[in-house]
């Protein structure tokens, strides 16, 4: 009975962990159009990207380490479902953060560096998730563990990007 419930649930949670919301790829010409605006207009336009970026960041940093604490006392299945929802929320917030951050780049070289960083991070994240899946495979709590690992990866990357691009975000 447990196997019938756990296997589909594990597959759903792992699929969510690896199915990040679609990221937009800002083209150099899109960024250049913003950069070429008169200064006052460019500043005003850049402000429209900062609000959603900061909100997404704050939503992910606030619960860090506190996700699904109540559900963990209610049983593994509730915890696994909660972690799947937390991962889905993190995906959406990461996409909002990253998509807006691209439009805050100061030039096309910085945009290219950010996009390359995301490509490398995605490969690292996928590798880490494979390792996590293998280390807890076929264990009752494996979906919850995989969910927590994924949340840590996404939030840590958001923190790194926030530090690296802090001047872009604050100016």
N, C-alpha and C. Protein backbone atom coordinates (compact mmCIF):
# COMPACT_ATOMS: atom_id res chain seq x y z
N UNK A 1 0.82 -1.20 0.00
CA UNK A 1 0.00 0.00 0.00
C UNK A 1 0.86 1.26 0.00
N UNK A 2 1.87 1.26 0.86
CA UNK A 2 2.74 2.44 0.93
C UNK A 2 3.41 2.71 -0.42
N UNK A 3 3.84 1.66 -1.09
CA UNK A 3 4.54 1.83 -2.37
C UNK A 3 3.62 2.46 -3.40
N UNK A 4 2.34 2.12 -3.39
CA UNK A 4 1.39 2.70 -4.34
C UNK A 4 1.22 4.20 -4.13
N UNK A 5 1.27 4.62 -2.90
CA UNK A 5 1.11 6.04 -2.58
C UNK A 5 2.43 6.78 -2.76
N UNK A 6 3.51 6.20 -2.32
CA UNK A 6 4.81 6.89 -2.32
C UNK A 6 5.41 7.05 -3.71
N UNK A 7 5.32 6.05 -4.54
CA UNK A 7 5.95 6.14 -5.85
C UNK A 7 5.36 7.27 -6.69
N UNK A 8 4.03 7.34 -6.85
CA UNK A 8 3.49 8.48 -7.63
C UNK A 8 3.80 9.82 -6.98
N UNK A 9 3.73 9.88 -5.66
CA UNK A 9 4.03 11.13 -4.97
C UNK A 9 5.48 11.52 -5.17
N UNK A 10 6.38 10.56 -5.08
CA UNK A 10 7.80 10.84 -5.29
C UNK A 10 8.05 11.35 -6.70
N UNK A 11 7.40 10.75 -7.67
CA UNK A 11 7.59 11.19 -9.04
C UNK A 11 7.06 12.60 -9.26
N UNK A 12 5.94 12.93 -8.65
CA UNK A 12 5.38 14.28 -8.77
C UNK A 12 6.33 15.30 -8.15
N UNK A 13 6.79 15.02 -6.94
CA UNK A 13 7.68 15.97 -6.27
C UNK A 13 8.98 16.12 -7.03
N UNK A 14 9.58 15.03 -7.49
CA UNK A 14 10.83 15.13 -8.23
C UNK A 14 10.63 15.84 -9.56
N UNK A 15 9.51 15.63 -10.21
CA UNK A 15 9.23 16.33 -11.47
C UNK A 15 9.13 17.83 -11.21
N UNK A 16 8.49 18.20 -10.13
CA UNK A 16 8.38 19.61 -9.80
C UNK A 16 9.75 20.20 -9.49
N UNK A 17 10.56 19.43 -8.82
CA UNK A 17 11.89 19.92 -8.47
C UNK A 17 12.71 20.20 -9.72
N UNK A 18 12.53 19.41 -10.74
CA UNK A 18 13.34 19.55 -11.93
C UNK A 18 12.65 20.34 -13.04
N UNK A 19 11.41 20.74 -12.84
CA UNK A 19 10.66 21.45 -13.87
C UNK A 19 10.53 22.93 -13.50
N UNK A 20 11.62 23.60 -13.54
CA UNK A 20 11.64 25.01 -13.19
C UNK A 20 10.77 25.81 -14.15
N UNK A 21 10.10 26.83 -13.63
CA UNK A 21 9.29 27.71 -14.47
C UNK A 21 10.17 28.26 -15.58
N UNK A 22 9.55 28.52 -16.71
CA UNK A 22 10.29 29.00 -17.87
C UNK A 22 10.94 30.35 -17.58
N UNK A 23 12.20 30.40 -17.87
CA UNK A 23 12.93 31.66 -17.76
C UNK A 23 12.91 32.33 -19.12
N UNK A 24 12.81 33.63 -19.11
CA UNK A 24 12.89 34.37 -20.35
C UNK A 24 14.35 34.67 -20.63
N UNK A 25 14.68 34.67 -21.90
CA UNK A 25 16.02 35.05 -22.30
C UNK A 25 15.92 36.43 -22.93
N UNK A 26 16.45 37.41 -22.23
CA UNK A 26 16.43 38.78 -22.74
C UNK A 26 17.51 38.88 -23.82
N UNK A 27 17.14 39.41 -24.94
CA UNK A 27 18.11 39.55 -26.02
C UNK A 27 18.95 40.81 -25.80
N UNK A 28 20.14 40.82 -26.34
CA UNK A 28 20.97 42.03 -26.23
C UNK A 28 20.25 43.26 -26.78
N UNK A 29 19.45 43.09 -27.83
CA UNK A 29 18.74 44.25 -28.39
C UNK A 29 17.66 44.77 -27.45
N UNK A 30 17.01 43.87 -26.70
CA UNK A 30 16.02 44.33 -25.72
C UNK A 30 16.70 45.18 -24.64
N UNK A 31 17.82 44.69 -24.15
CA UNK A 31 18.54 45.45 -23.13
C UNK A 31 19.05 46.76 -23.72
N UNK A 32 19.57 46.72 -24.92
CA UNK A 32 20.11 47.93 -25.55
C UNK A 32 19.02 48.99 -25.73
N UNK A 33 17.82 48.57 -26.06
CA UNK A 33 16.71 49.52 -26.20
C UNK A 33 16.47 50.26 -24.89
N UNK A 34 16.59 49.57 -23.78
CA UNK A 34 16.44 50.20 -22.47
C UNK A 34 17.61 51.13 -22.18
N UNK A 35 18.81 50.66 -22.45
CA UNK A 35 20.01 51.46 -22.19
C UNK A 35 20.01 52.74 -23.04
N UNK A 36 19.49 52.67 -24.25
CA UNK A 36 19.51 53.81 -25.16
C UNK A 36 18.47 54.88 -24.84
N UNK A 37 17.57 54.61 -23.93
CA UNK A 37 16.58 55.62 -23.56
C UNK A 37 17.26 56.82 -22.93
N UNK A 38 16.66 58.00 -23.02
CA UNK A 38 17.19 59.14 -22.27
C UNK A 38 17.27 58.78 -20.79
N UNK A 39 18.22 59.32 -20.09
CA UNK A 39 18.53 58.91 -18.71
C UNK A 39 17.30 58.86 -17.82
N UNK A 40 16.50 59.90 -17.80
CA UNK A 40 15.32 59.93 -16.92
C UNK A 40 14.36 58.80 -17.25
N UNK A 41 14.16 58.54 -18.53
CA UNK A 41 13.27 57.46 -18.94
C UNK A 41 13.86 56.09 -18.60
N UNK A 42 15.16 55.95 -18.78
CA UNK A 42 15.83 54.68 -18.47
C UNK A 42 15.72 54.37 -16.98
N UNK A 43 15.93 55.38 -16.15
CA UNK A 43 15.84 55.20 -14.70
C UNK A 43 14.42 54.78 -14.33
N UNK A 44 13.44 55.45 -14.90
CA UNK A 44 12.04 55.14 -14.62
C UNK A 44 11.70 53.72 -15.09
N UNK A 45 12.16 53.36 -16.27
CA UNK A 45 11.90 52.02 -16.81
C UNK A 45 12.56 50.95 -15.95
N UNK A 46 13.79 51.20 -15.50
CA UNK A 46 14.49 50.22 -14.67
C UNK A 46 13.77 49.99 -13.35
N UNK A 47 13.12 51.02 -12.83
CA UNK A 47 12.39 50.88 -11.56
C UNK A 47 11.27 49.85 -11.69
N UNK A 48 10.68 49.71 -12.88
CA UNK A 48 9.59 48.75 -13.04
C UNK A 48 10.08 47.31 -12.89
N UNK A 49 11.37 47.08 -13.07
CA UNK A 49 11.92 45.74 -12.92
C UNK A 49 12.35 45.45 -11.48
N UNK A 50 12.62 46.48 -10.73
CA UNK A 50 13.13 46.29 -9.37
C UNK A 50 12.06 45.78 -8.40
N UNK A 51 10.84 46.29 -8.52
CA UNK A 51 9.78 45.88 -7.60
C UNK A 51 9.51 44.39 -7.62
N UNK A 52 9.21 43.82 -8.79
CA UNK A 52 8.96 42.37 -8.84
C UNK A 52 10.19 41.55 -8.43
N UNK A 53 11.37 42.01 -8.79
CA UNK A 53 12.61 41.32 -8.42
C UNK A 53 12.76 41.28 -6.90
N UNK A 54 12.60 42.43 -6.25
CA UNK A 54 12.76 42.49 -4.79
C UNK A 54 11.68 41.72 -4.06
N UNK A 55 10.45 41.75 -4.58
CA UNK A 55 9.36 41.00 -3.95
C UNK A 55 9.61 39.50 -4.03
N UNK A 56 10.03 39.03 -5.19
CA UNK A 56 10.32 37.61 -5.37
C UNK A 56 11.45 37.17 -4.44
N UNK A 57 12.47 38.00 -4.34
CA UNK A 57 13.60 37.69 -3.47
C UNK A 57 13.15 37.61 -2.01
N UNK A 58 12.38 38.60 -1.57
CA UNK A 58 11.92 38.63 -0.19
C UNK A 58 11.05 37.43 0.14
N UNK A 59 10.18 37.03 -0.78
CA UNK A 59 9.32 35.86 -0.54
C UNK A 59 10.14 34.61 -0.31
N UNK A 60 11.26 34.48 -0.99
CA UNK A 60 12.07 33.27 -0.84
C UNK A 60 13.02 33.32 0.35
N UNK A 61 13.45 34.50 0.72
CA UNK A 61 14.40 34.58 1.83
C UNK A 61 13.70 34.50 3.18
N UNK A 62 12.47 34.95 3.25
CA UNK A 62 11.76 34.97 4.53
C UNK A 62 11.54 33.57 5.11
N UNK A 63 11.04 32.61 4.31
CA UNK A 63 10.77 31.30 4.91
C UNK A 63 11.97 30.37 4.98
N UNK A 64 13.11 30.80 4.48
CA UNK A 64 14.27 29.91 4.40
C UNK A 64 14.52 29.23 5.74
N UNK A 65 14.56 27.92 5.71
CA UNK A 65 14.80 27.13 6.91
C UNK A 65 13.55 26.87 7.73
N UNK A 66 12.41 27.45 7.33
CA UNK A 66 11.17 27.28 8.09
C UNK A 66 10.09 26.60 7.27
N UNK A 67 10.43 26.18 6.07
CA UNK A 67 9.44 25.58 5.19
C UNK A 67 8.86 24.31 5.78
N UNK A 68 7.56 24.22 5.73
CA UNK A 68 6.83 22.98 6.03
C UNK A 68 7.11 22.43 7.43
N UNK A 69 7.43 23.29 8.38
CA UNK A 69 7.70 22.81 9.74
C UNK A 69 6.46 22.18 10.36
N UNK A 70 5.32 22.82 10.17
CA UNK A 70 4.09 22.28 10.74
C UNK A 70 3.74 20.94 10.08
N UNK A 71 3.89 20.86 8.77
CA UNK A 71 3.56 19.65 8.05
C UNK A 71 4.47 18.49 8.44
N UNK A 72 5.70 18.80 8.84
CA UNK A 72 6.64 17.73 9.20
C UNK A 72 6.15 16.98 10.44
N UNK A 73 5.34 17.63 11.26
CA UNK A 73 4.80 16.95 12.44
C UNK A 73 3.51 16.18 12.12
N UNK A 74 2.95 16.42 10.92
CA UNK A 74 1.69 15.78 10.54
C UNK A 74 1.89 14.52 9.70
N UNK A 75 3.11 14.21 9.38
CA UNK A 75 3.38 13.00 8.62
C UNK A 75 4.17 13.29 7.36
N UNK A 76 4.81 12.26 6.87
CA UNK A 76 5.70 12.42 5.73
C UNK A 76 4.96 12.83 4.46
N UNK A 77 3.78 12.28 4.24
CA UNK A 77 3.05 12.60 3.01
C UNK A 77 2.70 14.08 2.96
N UNK A 78 2.20 14.64 4.07
CA UNK A 78 1.87 16.07 4.11
C UNK A 78 3.12 16.92 3.91
N UNK A 79 4.22 16.48 4.49
CA UNK A 79 5.48 17.20 4.34
C UNK A 79 5.94 17.18 2.88
N UNK A 80 5.86 16.01 2.24
CA UNK A 80 6.28 15.90 0.85
C UNK A 80 5.45 16.80 -0.06
N UNK A 81 4.15 16.82 0.15
CA UNK A 81 3.26 17.68 -0.65
C UNK A 81 3.60 19.14 -0.41
N UNK A 82 3.80 19.51 0.84
CA UNK A 82 4.15 20.89 1.17
C UNK A 82 5.47 21.29 0.50
N UNK A 83 6.46 20.41 0.53
CA UNK A 83 7.74 20.73 -0.10
C UNK A 83 7.58 20.88 -1.61
N UNK A 84 6.72 20.07 -2.22
CA UNK A 84 6.45 20.22 -3.64
C UNK A 84 5.87 21.59 -3.96
N UNK A 85 4.97 22.06 -3.12
CA UNK A 85 4.38 23.39 -3.30
C UNK A 85 5.42 24.48 -3.07
N UNK A 86 6.27 24.30 -2.08
CA UNK A 86 7.33 25.28 -1.80
C UNK A 86 8.31 25.36 -2.97
N UNK A 87 8.62 24.21 -3.57
CA UNK A 87 9.51 24.19 -4.74
C UNK A 87 8.87 24.92 -5.91
N UNK A 88 7.58 24.69 -6.10
CA UNK A 88 6.86 25.36 -7.19
C UNK A 88 6.86 26.88 -6.99
N UNK A 89 6.66 27.30 -5.77
CA UNK A 89 6.69 28.73 -5.44
C UNK A 89 8.09 29.30 -5.69
N UNK A 90 9.10 28.56 -5.30
CA UNK A 90 10.49 29.00 -5.51
C UNK A 90 10.79 29.13 -7.00
N UNK A 91 10.29 28.20 -7.80
CA UNK A 91 10.48 28.29 -9.25
C UNK A 91 9.91 29.59 -9.80
N UNK A 92 8.69 29.89 -9.41
CA UNK A 92 8.05 31.12 -9.89
C UNK A 92 8.79 32.36 -9.44
N UNK A 93 9.20 32.37 -8.19
CA UNK A 93 9.93 33.53 -7.67
C UNK A 93 11.31 33.66 -8.31
N UNK A 94 11.97 32.53 -8.53
CA UNK A 94 13.27 32.61 -9.19
C UNK A 94 13.12 33.16 -10.60
N UNK A 95 12.11 32.69 -11.33
CA UNK A 95 11.88 33.19 -12.69
C UNK A 95 11.63 34.69 -12.68
N UNK A 96 10.81 35.17 -11.75
CA UNK A 96 10.54 36.61 -11.66
C UNK A 96 11.82 37.37 -11.32
N UNK A 97 12.59 36.85 -10.39
CA UNK A 97 13.83 37.49 -9.98
C UNK A 97 14.81 37.56 -11.16
N UNK A 98 15.05 36.43 -11.79
CA UNK A 98 16.03 36.34 -12.87
C UNK A 98 15.59 37.13 -14.10
N UNK A 99 14.34 36.99 -14.48
CA UNK A 99 13.86 37.69 -15.67
C UNK A 99 13.99 39.21 -15.52
N UNK A 100 13.69 39.70 -14.34
CA UNK A 100 13.81 41.14 -14.10
C UNK A 100 15.27 41.57 -13.94
N UNK A 101 16.08 40.71 -13.36
CA UNK A 101 17.49 41.03 -13.18
C UNK A 101 18.19 41.23 -14.54
N UNK A 102 17.80 40.45 -15.52
CA UNK A 102 18.41 40.61 -16.84
C UNK A 102 18.23 42.03 -17.37
N UNK A 103 17.08 42.62 -17.11
CA UNK A 103 16.80 43.96 -17.62
C UNK A 103 17.47 45.05 -16.78
N UNK A 104 18.11 44.65 -15.69
CA UNK A 104 18.85 45.61 -14.87
C UNK A 104 20.35 45.58 -15.15
N UNK A 105 20.76 44.75 -16.09
CA UNK A 105 22.18 44.69 -16.44
C UNK A 105 22.61 46.04 -17.04
N UNK A 106 23.84 46.41 -16.78
CA UNK A 106 24.35 47.71 -17.23
C UNK A 106 24.76 47.72 -18.70
N UNK A 107 25.10 46.54 -19.24
CA UNK A 107 25.47 46.47 -20.65
C UNK A 107 25.31 45.03 -21.14
N UNK A 108 25.55 44.84 -22.43
CA UNK A 108 25.35 43.53 -23.03
C UNK A 108 26.34 42.49 -22.51
N UNK A 109 27.55 42.90 -22.16
CA UNK A 109 28.52 41.96 -21.61
C UNK A 109 28.06 41.43 -20.26
N UNK A 110 27.51 42.31 -19.46
CA UNK A 110 27.02 41.87 -18.15
C UNK A 110 25.82 40.93 -18.33
N UNK A 111 24.95 41.24 -19.28
CA UNK A 111 23.81 40.36 -19.57
C UNK A 111 24.30 38.98 -20.00
N UNK A 112 25.27 38.94 -20.87
CA UNK A 112 25.83 37.67 -21.34
C UNK A 112 26.43 36.88 -20.17
N UNK A 113 27.13 37.56 -19.29
CA UNK A 113 27.71 36.88 -18.12
C UNK A 113 26.63 36.30 -17.21
N UNK A 114 25.57 37.07 -17.00
CA UNK A 114 24.45 36.59 -16.17
C UNK A 114 23.82 35.37 -16.81
N UNK A 115 23.58 35.40 -18.09
CA UNK A 115 22.95 34.28 -18.78
C UNK A 115 23.85 33.04 -18.78
N UNK A 116 25.14 33.23 -18.94
CA UNK A 116 26.07 32.10 -18.86
C UNK A 116 26.08 31.51 -17.45
N UNK A 117 26.04 32.38 -16.46
CA UNK A 117 26.00 31.94 -15.07
C UNK A 117 24.78 31.07 -14.82
N UNK A 118 23.64 31.47 -15.35
CA UNK A 118 22.41 30.70 -15.15
C UNK A 118 22.52 29.34 -15.83
N UNK A 119 23.10 29.29 -17.01
CA UNK A 119 23.29 28.02 -17.71
C UNK A 119 24.17 27.08 -16.90
N UNK A 120 25.26 27.61 -16.35
CA UNK A 120 26.16 26.79 -15.53
C UNK A 120 25.48 26.37 -14.23
N UNK A 121 24.73 27.29 -13.62
CA UNK A 121 24.03 26.95 -12.38
C UNK A 121 23.01 25.85 -12.63
N UNK A 122 22.30 25.92 -13.73
CA UNK A 122 21.28 24.91 -14.04
C UNK A 122 21.94 23.53 -14.16
N UNK A 123 23.08 23.46 -14.82
CA UNK A 123 23.80 22.18 -14.93
C UNK A 123 24.23 21.69 -13.55
N UNK A 124 24.74 22.59 -12.73
CA UNK A 124 25.14 22.23 -11.36
C UNK A 124 23.93 21.75 -10.55
N UNK A 125 22.84 22.49 -10.64
CA UNK A 125 21.62 22.15 -9.91
C UNK A 125 21.10 20.78 -10.33
N UNK A 126 21.07 20.52 -11.63
CA UNK A 126 20.62 19.21 -12.12
C UNK A 126 21.50 18.09 -11.58
N UNK A 127 22.80 18.32 -11.57
CA UNK A 127 23.74 17.33 -11.06
C UNK A 127 23.54 17.09 -9.56
N UNK A 128 23.36 18.17 -8.83
CA UNK A 128 23.14 18.05 -7.38
C UNK A 128 21.83 17.31 -7.09
N UNK A 129 20.81 17.57 -7.87
CA UNK A 129 19.53 16.90 -7.66
C UNK A 129 19.63 15.41 -7.99
N UNK A 130 20.41 15.07 -9.00
CA UNK A 130 20.62 13.65 -9.31
C UNK A 130 21.33 12.97 -8.14
N UNK A 131 22.34 13.62 -7.60
CA UNK A 131 23.04 13.07 -6.46
C UNK A 131 22.13 12.91 -5.26
N UNK A 132 21.30 13.90 -5.03
CA UNK A 132 20.35 13.84 -3.92
C UNK A 132 19.37 12.70 -4.11
N UNK A 133 18.86 12.56 -5.32
CA UNK A 133 17.90 11.49 -5.61
C UNK A 133 18.51 10.12 -5.39
N UNK A 134 19.75 9.97 -5.79
CA UNK A 134 20.41 8.67 -5.63
C UNK A 134 20.73 8.36 -4.17
N UNK A 135 21.01 9.39 -3.40
CA UNK A 135 21.39 9.14 -2.01
C UNK A 135 20.19 8.78 -1.13
N UNK A 136 19.00 9.18 -1.54
CA UNK A 136 17.82 8.87 -0.73
C UNK A 136 16.80 8.04 -1.49
N UNK A 137 17.21 7.44 -2.59
CA UNK A 137 16.28 6.68 -3.43
C UNK A 137 15.55 5.61 -2.64
N UNK A 138 14.26 5.51 -2.94
CA UNK A 138 13.40 4.48 -2.37
C UNK A 138 13.28 4.55 -0.86
N UNK A 139 13.48 5.67 -0.32
CA UNK A 139 13.26 5.85 1.11
C UNK A 139 11.98 6.66 1.27
N UNK A 140 11.29 6.44 2.35
CA UNK A 140 9.99 7.06 2.59
C UNK A 140 10.04 8.58 2.51
N UNK A 141 11.07 9.20 3.00
CA UNK A 141 11.16 10.66 3.02
C UNK A 141 11.88 11.28 1.84
N UNK A 142 12.22 10.49 0.83
CA UNK A 142 13.04 11.01 -0.26
C UNK A 142 12.43 12.20 -1.00
N UNK A 143 11.12 12.25 -1.27
CA UNK A 143 10.61 13.45 -1.95
C UNK A 143 10.79 14.72 -1.12
N UNK A 144 10.60 14.61 0.16
CA UNK A 144 10.78 15.78 1.04
C UNK A 144 12.23 16.23 1.09
N UNK A 145 13.14 15.27 1.13
CA UNK A 145 14.57 15.60 1.14
C UNK A 145 14.95 16.26 -0.18
N UNK A 146 14.49 15.68 -1.29
CA UNK A 146 14.79 16.26 -2.60
C UNK A 146 14.23 17.67 -2.70
N UNK A 147 13.04 17.87 -2.18
CA UNK A 147 12.44 19.20 -2.19
C UNK A 147 13.24 20.21 -1.39
N UNK A 148 13.73 19.78 -0.24
CA UNK A 148 14.54 20.69 0.58
C UNK A 148 15.87 21.01 -0.09
N UNK A 149 16.49 20.03 -0.71
CA UNK A 149 17.74 20.27 -1.43
C UNK A 149 17.51 21.28 -2.55
N UNK A 150 16.43 21.09 -3.30
CA UNK A 150 16.13 22.00 -4.39
C UNK A 150 15.90 23.42 -3.89
N UNK A 151 15.13 23.57 -2.81
CA UNK A 151 14.92 24.90 -2.24
C UNK A 151 16.23 25.55 -1.85
N UNK A 152 17.09 24.79 -1.23
CA UNK A 152 18.40 25.34 -0.84
C UNK A 152 19.19 25.80 -2.05
N UNK A 153 19.19 25.00 -3.11
CA UNK A 153 19.92 25.37 -4.32
C UNK A 153 19.39 26.67 -4.91
N UNK A 154 18.08 26.76 -5.07
CA UNK A 154 17.47 27.94 -5.69
C UNK A 154 17.71 29.18 -4.83
N UNK A 155 17.47 29.07 -3.55
CA UNK A 155 17.62 30.24 -2.67
C UNK A 155 19.07 30.68 -2.55
N UNK A 156 19.97 29.73 -2.48
CA UNK A 156 21.39 30.09 -2.43
C UNK A 156 21.81 30.82 -3.71
N UNK A 157 21.33 30.36 -4.83
CA UNK A 157 21.67 31.02 -6.10
C UNK A 157 21.07 32.42 -6.16
N UNK A 158 19.86 32.57 -5.66
CA UNK A 158 19.25 33.90 -5.63
C UNK A 158 20.08 34.84 -4.74
N UNK A 159 20.55 34.33 -3.60
CA UNK A 159 21.39 35.15 -2.71
C UNK A 159 22.68 35.56 -3.41
N UNK A 160 23.30 34.61 -4.11
CA UNK A 160 24.54 34.91 -4.83
C UNK A 160 24.30 35.99 -5.89
N UNK A 161 23.24 35.84 -6.67
CA UNK A 161 22.95 36.83 -7.69
C UNK A 161 22.66 38.20 -7.07
N UNK A 162 21.96 38.18 -5.96
CA UNK A 162 21.67 39.45 -5.26
C UNK A 162 22.97 40.13 -4.83
N UNK A 163 23.92 39.35 -4.35
CA UNK A 163 25.21 39.93 -3.94
C UNK A 163 26.01 40.42 -5.15
N UNK A 164 26.05 39.60 -6.18
CA UNK A 164 26.85 39.95 -7.36
C UNK A 164 26.29 41.19 -8.05
N UNK A 165 24.98 41.29 -8.15
CA UNK A 165 24.35 42.37 -8.90
C UNK A 165 23.69 43.41 -7.98
N UNK A 166 24.20 43.51 -6.77
CA UNK A 166 23.60 44.43 -5.80
C UNK A 166 23.58 45.88 -6.29
N UNK A 167 24.62 46.30 -7.00
CA UNK A 167 24.64 47.68 -7.52
C UNK A 167 23.58 47.86 -8.59
N UNK A 168 23.38 46.87 -9.42
CA UNK A 168 22.35 46.95 -10.46
C UNK A 168 20.97 47.08 -9.81
N UNK A 169 20.75 46.33 -8.77
CA UNK A 169 19.45 46.30 -8.10
C UNK A 169 19.22 47.59 -7.33
N UNK A 170 20.25 48.13 -6.73
CA UNK A 170 20.07 49.30 -5.89
C UNK A 170 20.11 50.63 -6.65
N UNK A 171 20.71 50.66 -7.80
CA UNK A 171 20.82 51.93 -8.54
C UNK A 171 19.64 52.15 -9.45
